[in-house]
Amino acid sequence: MKDAPIAELQGALERFHWSRQSEQREKWNRSLPFADGIVDRWERAHFLGFGEGSSIYDSSIVMGDVKIGANTWIGPFTVLDGSGGLEIGDYCSVSAGVQIYSHDSVDWALTGGVAPYATSPVRIGSNCYLGPMTIVGKGVRIGDHCLVGANSLVNKNLPDHSVAYGSTCRIVGKVLIEDGRARIVYAADR
């Protein structure tokens, strides 16, 4: 008998979940995990102090001092580590699974906890695209209008208008903005 209220709550949550799933499927043709389906991404971004029009999925981890500009999309299953300071500009797309770190525990681990964690701020400019599963290491600066390809490891700075990808990341071209449109020019195209 004690479990009856729990079963009722579980049933209500399941009905709510499937109702939201139906709405999302009909409106956007997608299905999200439970929390991402019920948490408003824009309200969470507002709660975290992000800029106007920005959004972040509930499945994203946010820790430390993280500042996000306006109209930036933070995709699902991302890690935003601001323990050393993290700033992301306006109009950025941070794709699913991206991990951005402003600290590491290498020295701490290797010295058996004697050395402190190493921290260094990360800054990502405005108008940037970080492809899915990209990892950005501590201390990295990514300029404005940069495109970073999927599965990249960014462990060095990227100047404005860079097109870069790889593990480790290397610059392979430039982003040109002409008449309000972006054009990607690869090094071989020059």
Protein backbone atom coordinates (compact mmCIF):
# COMPACT_ATOMS: atom_id res chain seq x y z
CA MET A 1 0.00 0.00 0.00
CA LYS A 2 2.89 2.41 0.71
CA ASP A 3 3.94 2.34 -2.95
CA ALA A 4 0.55 3.52 -4.27
CA PRO A 5 1.45 7.27 -4.18
CA ILE A 6 4.76 6.55 -5.91
CA ALA A 7 2.99 4.51 -8.60
CA GLU A 8 0.46 7.34 -9.08
CA LEU A 9 3.24 9.91 -9.41
CA GLN A 10 5.14 7.67 -11.83
CA GLY A 11 1.99 7.24 -13.91
CA ALA A 12 1.36 11.00 -13.98
CA LEU A 13 4.95 11.69 -15.00
CA GLU A 14 4.81 9.11 -17.74
CA ARG A 15 1.54 10.55 -19.11
CA PHE A 16 3.05 14.05 -19.03
CA HIS A 17 6.23 12.81 -20.73
CA TRP A 18 4.35 11.09 -23.55
CA SER A 19 2.10 14.10 -23.99
CA ARG A 20 5.19 16.32 -24.41
CA GLN A 21 6.78 13.73 -26.72
CA SER A 22 3.68 13.85 -28.94
CA GLU A 23 3.73 17.67 -29.03
CA GLN A 24 7.42 17.79 -29.91
CA ARG A 25 7.13 15.08 -32.52
CA GLU A 26 4.22 16.86 -34.19
CA LYS A 27 5.76 20.35 -34.02
CA TRP A 28 9.48 19.65 -34.62
CA ASN A 29 9.61 15.94 -35.59
CA ARG A 30 11.90 15.04 -32.68
CA SER A 31 11.98 13.05 -29.49
CA LEU A 32 14.03 14.20 -26.50
CA PRO A 33 15.11 12.60 -23.22
CA PHE A 34 12.68 13.26 -20.37
CA ALA A 35 14.41 16.29 -18.78
CA ASP A 36 15.27 17.93 -22.11
CA GLY A 37 11.64 17.47 -23.13
CA ILE A 38 10.18 19.28 -20.13
CA VAL A 39 12.79 21.93 -19.28
CA ASP A 40 12.56 25.15 -21.29
CA ARG A 41 16.05 25.74 -22.78
CA TRP A 42 15.63 29.52 -22.90
CA GLU A 43 14.47 29.70 -19.27
CA ARG A 44 17.48 27.67 -18.15
CA ALA A 45 19.81 30.01 -20.08
CA HIS A 46 18.11 33.02 -18.48
CA PHE A 47 18.47 31.41 -15.03
CA LEU A 48 22.21 30.93 -15.68
CA GLY A 49 22.57 34.60 -16.70
CA PHE A 50 23.24 33.93 -20.38
CA GLY A 51 22.50 36.60 -23.00
CA GLU A 52 19.07 37.34 -24.47
CA GLY A 53 17.84 34.65 -26.84
CA SER A 54 20.40 32.03 -25.80
CA SER A 55 19.40 28.47 -24.94
CA ILE A 56 20.94 25.44 -23.26
CA TYR A 57 19.68 21.89 -22.95
CA ASP A 58 19.03 20.42 -19.51
CA SER A 59 21.44 17.56 -20.28
CA SER A 60 24.31 20.08 -20.43
CA ILE A 61 26.71 20.37 -17.49
CA VAL A 62 27.64 23.90 -16.43
CA MET A 63 30.18 24.56 -13.68
CA GLY A 64 32.10 27.58 -12.50
CA ASP A 65 32.16 31.05 -14.04
CA VAL A 66 30.47 30.70 -17.44
CA LYS A 67 29.42 33.75 -19.45
CA ILE A 68 27.44 33.32 -22.66
CA GLY A 69 26.43 36.13 -25.03
CA ALA A 70 23.14 36.68 -26.86
CA ASN A 71 21.49 34.24 -29.28
CA THR A 72 23.91 31.40 -28.60
CA TRP A 73 22.73 27.79 -28.81
CA ILE A 74 24.28 25.24 -26.46
CA GLY A 75 23.40 21.75 -27.69
CA PRO A 76 22.57 18.65 -25.68
CA PHE A 77 25.11 16.61 -23.70
CA THR A 78 27.70 19.41 -23.58
CA VAL A 79 30.18 20.27 -20.81
CA LEU A 80 30.89 23.92 -20.04
CA ASP A 81 33.67 24.09 -17.45
CA GLY A 82 34.13 27.61 -16.18
CA SER A 83 36.20 26.69 -13.12
CA GLY A 84 39.03 28.74 -14.68
CA GLY A 85 36.63 31.11 -16.47
CA LEU A 86 34.73 30.55 -19.72
CA GLU A 87 33.30 33.15 -22.07
CA ILE A 88 31.39 32.46 -25.29
CA GLY A 89 30.22 35.33 -27.51
CA ASP A 90 27.01 36.07 -29.40
CA TYR A 91 25.46 33.99 -32.20
CA CYS A 92 27.44 30.82 -31.56
CA SER A 93 26.42 27.19 -32.09
CA VAL A 94 27.97 24.78 -29.62
CA SER A 95 26.96 21.40 -31.04
CA ALA A 96 25.94 18.23 -29.25
CA GLY A 97 28.61 16.61 -27.12
CA VAL A 98 31.06 19.55 -27.17
CA GLN A 99 33.27 19.71 -24.07
CA ILE A 100 35.00 22.96 -23.10
CA TYR A 101 37.48 22.82 -20.20
CA SER A 102 39.17 25.66 -18.34
CA HIS A 103 40.99 23.36 -15.91
CA ASP A 104 42.77 20.03 -15.75
CA SER A 105 43.88 17.74 -12.95
CA VAL A 106 46.99 16.31 -14.63
CA ASP A 107 49.56 17.66 -12.14
CA TRP A 108 47.24 16.94 -9.22
CA ALA A 109 46.88 13.30 -10.28
CA LEU A 110 50.55 12.77 -11.12
CA THR A 111 51.71 14.20 -7.77
CA GLY A 112 49.25 12.22 -5.69
CA GLY A 113 47.19 15.31 -4.88
CA VAL A 114 50.14 17.53 -3.91
CA ALA A 115 49.94 19.94 -6.89
CA PRO A 116 46.77 21.98 -7.40
CA TYR A 117 44.48 21.74 -10.41
CA ALA A 118 45.70 23.90 -13.30
CA THR A 119 43.27 26.57 -14.53
CA SER A 120 43.31 29.02 -17.42
CA PRO A 121 40.37 30.91 -18.94
CA VAL A 122 38.84 29.96 -22.29
CA ARG A 123 37.33 32.52 -24.64
CA ILE A 124 35.29 31.76 -27.74
CA GLY A 125 34.42 34.79 -29.85
CA SER A 126 31.14 35.66 -31.52
CA ASN A 127 29.67 34.03 -34.61
CA CYS A 128 31.41 30.68 -34.11
CA TYR A 129 30.39 27.11 -34.86
CA LEU A 130 31.84 24.22 -32.84
CA GLY A 131 31.08 20.87 -34.48
CA PRO A 132 29.73 17.87 -32.57
CA MET A 133 32.02 16.14 -30.08
CA THR A 134 34.68 18.87 -30.23
CA ILE A 135 36.92 19.28 -27.16
CA VAL A 136 38.39 22.67 -26.27
CA GLY A 137 41.27 22.65 -23.79
CA LYS A 138 42.11 25.10 -21.03
CA GLY A 139 43.58 28.46 -21.95
CA VAL A 140 42.41 28.33 -25.59
CA ARG A 141 41.18 31.44 -27.38
CA ILE A 142 38.99 31.03 -30.46
CA GLY A 143 38.44 34.22 -32.47
CA ASP A 144 35.28 35.57 -34.08
CA HIS A 145 33.67 33.90 -37.13
CA CYS A 146 35.44 30.56 -36.61
CA LEU A 147 34.29 27.14 -37.77
CA VAL A 148 35.64 24.10 -35.92
CA GLY A 149 34.85 20.73 -37.48
CA ALA A 150 33.36 17.74 -35.67
CA ASN A 151 35.51 15.57 -33.40
CA SER A 152 38.26 18.17 -33.15
CA LEU A 153 40.67 18.65 -30.26
CA VAL A 154 41.38 22.38 -29.96
CA ASN A 155 44.49 22.82 -27.81
CA LYS A 156 45.85 26.03 -29.36
CA ASN A 157 44.44 29.45 -30.22
CA LEU A 158 42.54 30.03 -33.46
CA PRO A 159 42.56 33.54 -34.98
CA ASP A 160 39.43 35.26 -36.31
CA HIS A 161 37.85 33.70 -39.42
CA SER A 162 39.62 30.34 -39.02
CA VAL A 163 38.31 27.08 -40.44
CA ALA A 164 39.94 24.29 -38.44
CA TYR A 165 39.46 20.63 -37.68
CA GLY A 166 41.27 17.53 -36.55
CA SER A 167 42.76 15.91 -33.53
CA THR A 168 44.82 17.93 -32.89
CA CYS A 169 43.10 20.83 -34.59
CA ARG A 170 44.80 22.58 -37.50
CA ILE A 171 43.75 25.57 -39.57
CA VAL A 172 42.69 24.52 -43.08
CA GLY A 173 40.98 27.65 -44.40
CA LYS A 174 39.21 30.93 -43.78
CA VAL A 175 35.66 32.14 -43.29
CA LEU A 176 34.85 35.10 -45.53
CA ILE A 177 31.77 37.23 -44.87
CA GLU A 178 30.47 38.79 -48.10
CA ASP A 179 27.10 40.47 -48.59
CA GLY A 180 25.78 38.99 -45.36
CA ARG A 181 26.71 35.43 -46.33
CA ALA A 182 29.47 33.17 -45.07
CA ARG A 183 31.83 31.62 -47.59
CA ILE A 184 34.39 29.00 -46.59
CA VAL A 185 37.67 29.05 -48.50
CA TYR A 186 40.00 26.12 -47.93
CA ALA A 187 43.77 26.55 -48.23
CA ALA A 188 43.82 24.44 -51.42
CA ASP A 189 41.22 26.79 -53.00
CA ARG A 190 43.40 29.91 -52.71
